[in-house]
Amino acid sequence: QVQFVESGGGLVQPGGSLRLSCTASGSLRSDAVMGWYRRQAPEKQRELVADIGSDDSTKYTSSVKGRFIISRDNAKMTVYLQMNSLKPEDTAVYYCYAYTVVAGNYEWFWGQGTEVTVSS
């Protein structure tokens, strides 16, 4: 069983910064890919924001490139999302996730979500 503890969400003004953290507990494999999705409105599909492999390879959606930085601490099984130059359109619920691939089978794990609001 894998559980996540997320923190760092909140209200910030446009142009500001926030740092999200997500720590996994339980039996998450060290080679898991970890990352963040977001859902900007209940009726919208969730969007991949960024993810990072155990080798520190990263992937970002185009709208956050150059503004967001994802990183991880493997010893702590924690993934971070540093969000800079925030825009109102970054307002969303951000979900931490991880997935592993074993013998071709994907197993996904999700956090409960943390809300980010960018508004003046």
N, C-alpha and C. Protein backbone atom coordinates (compact mmCIF):
# COMPACT_ATOMS: atom_id res chain seq x y z
N GLN A 1 0.84 -1.18 0.00
CA GLN A 1 0.00 0.00 0.00
C GLN A 1 0.89 1.25 0.00
N VAL A 2 0.61 2.16 -0.92
CA VAL A 2 1.38 3.41 -1.02
C VAL A 2 0.45 4.57 -0.71
N GLN A 3 0.92 5.47 0.14
CA GLN A 3 0.17 6.68 0.46
C GLN A 3 1.06 7.88 0.24
N PHE A 4 0.43 9.01 -0.06
CA PHE A 4 1.16 10.25 -0.27
C PHE A 4 0.72 11.31 0.72
N VAL A 5 1.67 12.13 1.12
CA VAL A 5 1.37 13.33 1.90
C VAL A 5 1.81 14.52 1.07
N GLU A 6 0.84 15.34 0.68
CA GLU A 6 1.11 16.50 -0.16
C GLU A 6 1.04 17.77 0.68
N SER A 7 1.82 18.74 0.31
CA SER A 7 1.78 20.02 1.00
C SER A 7 2.26 21.12 0.06
N GLY A 8 1.98 22.36 0.45
CA GLY A 8 2.54 23.49 -0.26
C GLY A 8 1.55 24.30 -1.08
N GLY A 9 0.33 23.82 -1.21
CA GLY A 9 -0.65 24.58 -1.99
C GLY A 9 -1.11 25.82 -1.23
N GLY A 10 -1.87 26.66 -1.92
CA GLY A 10 -2.38 27.86 -1.27
C GLY A 10 -2.73 28.94 -2.27
N LEU A 11 -2.90 30.14 -1.74
CA LEU A 11 -3.24 31.31 -2.56
C LEU A 11 -1.99 32.15 -2.78
N VAL A 12 -1.77 32.54 -4.01
CA VAL A 12 -0.61 33.36 -4.33
C VAL A 12 -1.00 34.36 -5.41
N GLN A 13 -0.34 35.49 -5.41
CA GLN A 13 -0.61 36.51 -6.43
C GLN A 13 0.07 36.15 -7.75
N PRO A 14 -0.46 36.64 -8.86
CA PRO A 14 0.22 36.41 -10.14
C PRO A 14 1.67 36.89 -10.08
N GLY A 15 2.54 36.09 -10.65
CA GLY A 15 3.97 36.38 -10.61
C GLY A 15 4.67 35.79 -9.41
N GLY A 16 3.92 35.27 -8.46
CA GLY A 16 4.51 34.69 -7.26
C GLY A 16 4.97 33.27 -7.46
N SER A 17 5.42 32.66 -6.36
CA SER A 17 5.95 31.30 -6.38
C SER A 17 5.34 30.45 -5.28
N LEU A 18 5.29 29.18 -5.54
CA LEU A 18 4.90 28.17 -4.54
C LEU A 18 5.75 26.94 -4.77
N ARG A 19 5.92 26.17 -3.72
CA ARG A 19 6.64 24.89 -3.84
C ARG A 19 5.76 23.80 -3.27
N LEU A 20 5.42 22.85 -4.12
CA LEU A 20 4.64 21.69 -3.69
C LEU A 20 5.58 20.55 -3.33
N SER A 21 5.19 19.80 -2.30
CA SER A 21 5.95 18.62 -1.89
C SER A 21 5.01 17.43 -1.80
N CYS A 22 5.54 16.27 -2.07
CA CYS A 22 4.75 15.05 -1.98
C CYS A 22 5.68 13.92 -1.54
N THR A 23 5.37 13.34 -0.39
CA THR A 23 6.19 12.26 0.14
C THR A 23 5.40 10.96 0.12
N ALA A 24 6.03 9.92 -0.43
CA ALA A 24 5.39 8.61 -0.50
C ALA A 24 5.79 7.76 0.69
N SER A 25 4.84 7.04 1.22
CA SER A 25 5.13 6.08 2.27
C SER A 25 4.60 4.72 1.84
N GLY A 26 5.12 3.70 2.46
CA GLY A 26 4.71 2.36 2.08
C GLY A 26 5.72 1.73 1.15
N SER A 27 5.25 0.88 0.28
CA SER A 27 6.16 0.06 -0.51
C SER A 27 6.33 0.56 -1.93
N LEU A 28 6.60 1.85 -2.10
CA LEU A 28 6.84 2.38 -3.44
C LEU A 28 8.25 2.00 -3.89
N ARG A 29 8.35 1.43 -5.07
CA ARG A 29 9.64 1.05 -5.61
C ARG A 29 10.49 2.29 -5.87
N SER A 30 11.78 2.13 -5.69
CA SER A 30 12.67 3.28 -5.86
C SER A 30 12.79 3.71 -7.32
N ASP A 31 12.42 2.82 -8.27
CA ASP A 31 12.51 3.19 -9.68
C ASP A 31 11.20 3.77 -10.22
N ALA A 32 10.28 4.10 -9.31
CA ALA A 32 9.01 4.68 -9.73
C ALA A 32 9.22 6.04 -10.39
N VAL A 33 8.43 6.32 -11.40
CA VAL A 33 8.35 7.67 -11.94
C VAL A 33 7.39 8.44 -11.04
N MET A 34 7.74 9.66 -10.70
CA MET A 34 6.89 10.48 -9.84
C MET A 34 6.59 11.80 -10.54
N GLY A 35 5.45 12.38 -10.23
CA GLY A 35 5.14 13.62 -10.91
C GLY A 35 3.86 14.26 -10.41
N TRP A 36 3.38 15.20 -11.20
CA TRP A 36 2.20 15.99 -10.84
C TRP A 36 1.27 16.13 -12.05
N TYR A 37 0.00 15.91 -11.78
CA TYR A 37 -1.06 16.26 -12.71
C TYR A 37 -1.81 17.43 -12.11
N ARG A 38 -2.61 18.10 -12.89
CA ARG A 38 -3.51 19.11 -12.36
C ARG A 38 -4.85 19.06 -13.09
N ARG A 39 -5.87 19.50 -12.37
CA ARG A 39 -7.20 19.64 -12.96
C ARG A 39 -7.65 21.06 -12.69
N GLN A 40 -7.81 21.82 -13.77
CA GLN A 40 -8.08 23.24 -13.63
C GLN A 40 -9.55 23.55 -13.37
N ALA A 41 -10.43 22.63 -13.68
CA ALA A 41 -11.85 22.81 -13.40
C ALA A 41 -12.46 21.41 -13.38
N PRO A 42 -13.54 21.23 -12.63
CA PRO A 42 -14.11 19.88 -12.53
C PRO A 42 -14.47 19.27 -13.88
N GLU A 43 -14.88 20.12 -14.82
CA GLU A 43 -15.32 19.59 -16.12
C GLU A 43 -14.15 19.39 -17.09
N LYS A 44 -12.97 19.81 -16.70
CA LYS A 44 -11.81 19.67 -17.58
C LYS A 44 -11.08 18.37 -17.29
N GLN A 45 -10.38 17.89 -18.32
CA GLN A 45 -9.55 16.70 -18.12
C GLN A 45 -8.31 17.09 -17.33
N ARG A 46 -7.80 16.14 -16.60
CA ARG A 46 -6.56 16.43 -15.90
C ARG A 46 -5.42 16.49 -16.92
N GLU A 47 -4.42 17.25 -16.54
CA GLU A 47 -3.30 17.55 -17.43
C GLU A 47 -2.00 17.17 -16.73
N LEU A 48 -1.14 16.48 -17.45
CA LEU A 48 0.18 16.20 -16.91
C LEU A 48 0.95 17.51 -16.81
N VAL A 49 1.48 17.82 -15.64
CA VAL A 49 2.28 19.03 -15.47
C VAL A 49 3.75 18.71 -15.66
N ALA A 50 4.23 17.73 -14.92
CA ALA A 50 5.64 17.35 -15.02
C ALA A 50 5.83 16.01 -14.35
N ASP A 51 6.83 15.27 -14.83
CA ASP A 51 7.22 14.08 -14.10
C ASP A 51 8.73 13.90 -14.15
N ILE A 52 9.21 13.01 -13.28
CA ILE A 52 10.65 12.81 -13.14
C ILE A 52 10.92 11.36 -12.85
N GLY A 53 11.88 10.79 -13.58
CA GLY A 53 12.25 9.41 -13.36
C GLY A 53 13.26 9.28 -12.23
N SER A 54 13.54 8.02 -11.88
CA SER A 54 14.52 7.77 -10.82
C SER A 54 15.93 8.19 -11.24
N ASP A 55 16.12 8.37 -12.57
CA ASP A 55 17.41 8.84 -13.08
C ASP A 55 17.42 10.35 -13.25
N ASP A 56 16.39 11.03 -12.73
CA ASP A 56 16.24 12.48 -12.81
C ASP A 56 15.90 13.01 -14.20
N SER A 57 15.52 12.13 -15.10
CA SER A 57 15.01 12.61 -16.40
C SER A 57 13.66 13.26 -16.17
N THR A 58 13.41 14.37 -16.85
CA THR A 58 12.19 15.14 -16.59
C THR A 58 11.38 15.36 -17.86
N LYS A 59 10.11 15.62 -17.62
CA LYS A 59 9.19 15.93 -18.70
C LYS A 59 8.25 17.02 -18.19
N TYR A 60 7.95 18.02 -19.03
CA TYR A 60 7.07 19.11 -18.66
C TYR A 60 6.03 19.35 -19.74
N THR A 61 4.84 19.76 -19.34
CA THR A 61 3.91 20.24 -20.33
C THR A 61 4.39 21.61 -20.81
N SER A 62 4.08 21.96 -22.04
CA SER A 62 4.67 23.15 -22.65
C SER A 62 4.32 24.44 -21.90
N SER A 63 3.13 24.48 -21.29
CA SER A 63 2.69 25.73 -20.66
C SER A 63 3.47 26.07 -19.39
N VAL A 64 4.22 25.12 -18.85
CA VAL A 64 4.96 25.40 -17.61
C VAL A 64 6.47 25.38 -17.81
N LYS A 65 6.91 25.02 -19.00
CA LYS A 65 8.36 24.99 -19.26
C LYS A 65 8.98 26.36 -19.02
N GLY A 66 10.10 26.35 -18.32
CA GLY A 66 10.78 27.61 -18.01
C GLY A 66 10.27 28.28 -16.76
N ARG A 67 9.14 27.82 -16.23
CA ARG A 67 8.58 28.41 -15.01
C ARG A 67 8.57 27.42 -13.84
N PHE A 68 8.31 26.16 -14.13
CA PHE A 68 8.21 25.14 -13.09
C PHE A 68 9.45 24.24 -13.14
N ILE A 69 9.86 23.79 -11.96
CA ILE A 69 10.98 22.85 -11.88
C ILE A 69 10.57 21.68 -11.00
N ILE A 70 10.69 20.47 -11.54
CA ILE A 70 10.40 19.28 -10.76
C ILE A 70 11.71 18.66 -10.31
N SER A 71 11.71 18.14 -9.09
CA SER A 71 12.90 17.47 -8.56
C SER A 71 12.44 16.38 -7.59
N ARG A 72 13.36 15.53 -7.21
CA ARG A 72 13.01 14.47 -6.28
C ARG A 72 14.19 14.16 -5.37
N ASP A 73 13.83 13.64 -4.22
CA ASP A 73 14.82 13.15 -3.25
C ASP A 73 14.51 11.68 -3.06
N ASN A 74 15.32 10.82 -3.68
CA ASN A 74 15.02 9.39 -3.65
C ASN A 74 15.11 8.81 -2.25
N ALA A 75 16.01 9.33 -1.44
CA ALA A 75 16.16 8.81 -0.08
C ALA A 75 14.90 9.06 0.73
N LYS A 76 14.23 10.17 0.45
CA LYS A 76 13.01 10.52 1.18
C LYS A 76 11.75 10.14 0.41
N MET A 77 11.90 9.61 -0.79
CA MET A 77 10.77 9.30 -1.68
C MET A 77 9.84 10.49 -1.76
N THR A 78 10.43 11.63 -2.03
CA THR A 78 9.70 12.88 -2.10
C THR A 78 9.93 13.53 -3.45
N VAL A 79 8.85 14.07 -4.01
CA VAL A 79 8.94 14.82 -5.25
C VAL A 79 8.49 16.25 -4.97
N TYR A 80 9.16 17.19 -5.59
CA TYR A 80 8.89 18.61 -5.39
C TYR A 80 8.50 19.24 -6.73
N LEU A 81 7.68 20.28 -6.63
CA LEU A 81 7.37 21.08 -7.81
C LEU A 81 7.52 22.54 -7.43
N GLN A 82 8.60 23.15 -7.90
CA GLN A 82 8.82 24.57 -7.67
C GLN A 82 8.11 25.32 -8.79
N MET A 83 7.14 26.15 -8.41
CA MET A 83 6.34 26.87 -9.39
C MET A 83 6.64 28.36 -9.29
N ASN A 84 7.20 28.91 -10.33
CA ASN A 84 7.56 30.32 -10.38
C ASN A 84 6.74 31.05 -11.44
N SER A 85 6.74 32.36 -11.35
CA SER A 85 6.02 33.20 -12.33
C SER A 85 4.59 32.68 -12.55
N LEU A 86 3.92 32.43 -11.46
CA LEU A 86 2.59 31.83 -11.55
C LEU A 86 1.60 32.74 -12.23
N LYS A 87 0.69 32.10 -12.98
CA LYS A 87 -0.34 32.82 -13.73
C LYS A 87 -1.72 32.36 -13.25
N PRO A 88 -2.72 33.19 -13.45
CA PRO A 88 -4.07 32.75 -13.05
C PRO A 88 -4.47 31.41 -13.67
N GLU A 89 -4.00 31.13 -14.87
CA GLU A 89 -4.36 29.86 -15.52
C GLU A 89 -3.67 28.65 -14.89
N ASP A 90 -2.75 28.88 -13.95
CA ASP A 90 -2.16 27.78 -13.19
C ASP A 90 -3.05 27.35 -12.03
N THR A 91 -4.10 28.10 -11.80
CA THR A 91 -5.04 27.73 -10.74
C THR A 91 -5.62 26.35 -11.03
N ALA A 92 -5.50 25.46 -10.05
CA ALA A 92 -5.93 24.07 -10.26
C ALA A 92 -5.76 23.30 -8.96
N VAL A 93 -6.30 22.10 -8.95
CA VAL A 93 -5.94 21.13 -7.93
C VAL A 93 -4.80 20.30 -8.51
N TYR A 94 -3.71 20.24 -7.77
CA TYR A 94 -2.52 19.52 -8.22
C TYR A 94 -2.45 18.18 -7.50
N TYR A 95 -2.30 17.13 -8.28
CA TYR A 95 -2.26 15.77 -7.76
C TYR A 95 -0.88 15.17 -7.96
N CYS A 96 -0.32 14.69 -6.89
CA CYS A 96 0.92 13.95 -6.96
C CYS A 96 0.61 12.52 -7.41
N TYR A 97 1.51 11.94 -8.16
CA TYR A 97 1.32 10.56 -8.56
C TYR A 97 2.66 9.85 -8.71
N ALA A 98 2.57 8.55 -8.79
CA ALA A 98 3.75 7.73 -9.10
C ALA A 98 3.28 6.52 -9.87
N TYR A 99 4.15 6.01 -10.70
CA TYR A 99 3.83 4.75 -11.34
C TYR A 99 5.09 3.89 -11.47
N THR A 100 4.86 2.61 -11.45
CA THR A 100 5.94 1.64 -11.64
C THR A 100 5.56 0.72 -12.80
N VAL A 101 6.57 0.16 -13.39
CA VAL A 101 6.36 -0.80 -14.48
C VAL A 101 7.11 -2.07 -14.13
N VAL A 102 6.37 -3.13 -13.96
CA VAL A 102 6.97 -4.41 -13.63
C VAL A 102 6.45 -5.44 -14.62
N ALA A 103 7.37 -6.02 -15.37
CA ALA A 103 7.02 -7.03 -16.38
C ALA A 103 5.95 -6.50 -17.32
N GLY A 104 6.07 -5.23 -17.68
CA GLY A 104 5.14 -4.63 -18.62
C GLY A 104 3.83 -4.16 -18.01
N ASN A 105 3.65 -4.38 -16.73
CA ASN A 105 2.41 -3.97 -16.06
C ASN A 105 2.63 -2.66 -15.32
N TYR A 106 1.73 -1.70 -15.57
CA TYR A 106 1.79 -0.40 -14.92
C TYR A 106 0.95 -0.44 -13.65
N GLU A 107 1.48 0.15 -12.59
CA GLU A 107 0.72 0.31 -11.37
C GLU A 107 0.80 1.78 -10.97
N TRP A 108 -0.36 2.41 -10.77
CA TRP A 108 -0.44 3.85 -10.51
C TRP A 108 -0.85 4.10 -9.06
N PHE A 109 -0.33 5.18 -8.52
CA PHE A 109 -0.66 5.62 -7.17
C PHE A 109 -0.91 7.12 -7.22
N TRP A 110 -1.92 7.57 -6.45
CA TRP A 110 -2.34 8.97 -6.51
C TRP A 110 -2.43 9.60 -5.13
N GLY A 111 -2.05 10.88 -5.08
CA GLY A 111 -2.27 11.66 -3.87
C GLY A 111 -3.68 12.23 -3.86
N GLN A 112 -4.03 12.90 -2.77
CA GLN A 112 -5.39 13.40 -2.59
C GLN A 112 -5.60 14.76 -3.24
N GLY A 113 -4.53 15.41 -3.62
CA GLY A 113 -4.63 16.70 -4.29
C GLY A 113 -4.41 17.86 -3.34
N THR A 114 -3.79 18.91 -3.86
CA THR A 114 -3.60 20.14 -3.10
C THR A 114 -3.97 21.31 -4.01
N GLU A 115 -4.70 22.26 -3.45
CA GLU A 115 -5.26 23.32 -4.27
C GLU A 115 -4.30 24.51 -4.38
N VAL A 116 -4.15 24.99 -5.60
CA VAL A 116 -3.34 26.17 -5.88
C VAL A 116 -4.24 27.20 -6.54
N THR A 117 -4.27 28.38 -5.95
CA THR A 117 -5.07 29.48 -6.50
C THR A 117 -4.15 30.67 -6.77
N VAL A 118 -4.16 31.13 -8.02
CA VAL A 118 -3.35 32.29 -8.40
C VAL A 118 -4.31 33.43 -8.72
N SER A 119 -4.31 34.41 -7.84
CA SER A 119 -5.28 35.49 -7.97
C SER A 119 -4.79 36.72 -7.22
N SER A 120 -5.15 37.89 -7.74
CA SER A 120 -4.81 39.12 -7.04
C SER A 120 -5.98 39.55 -6.14
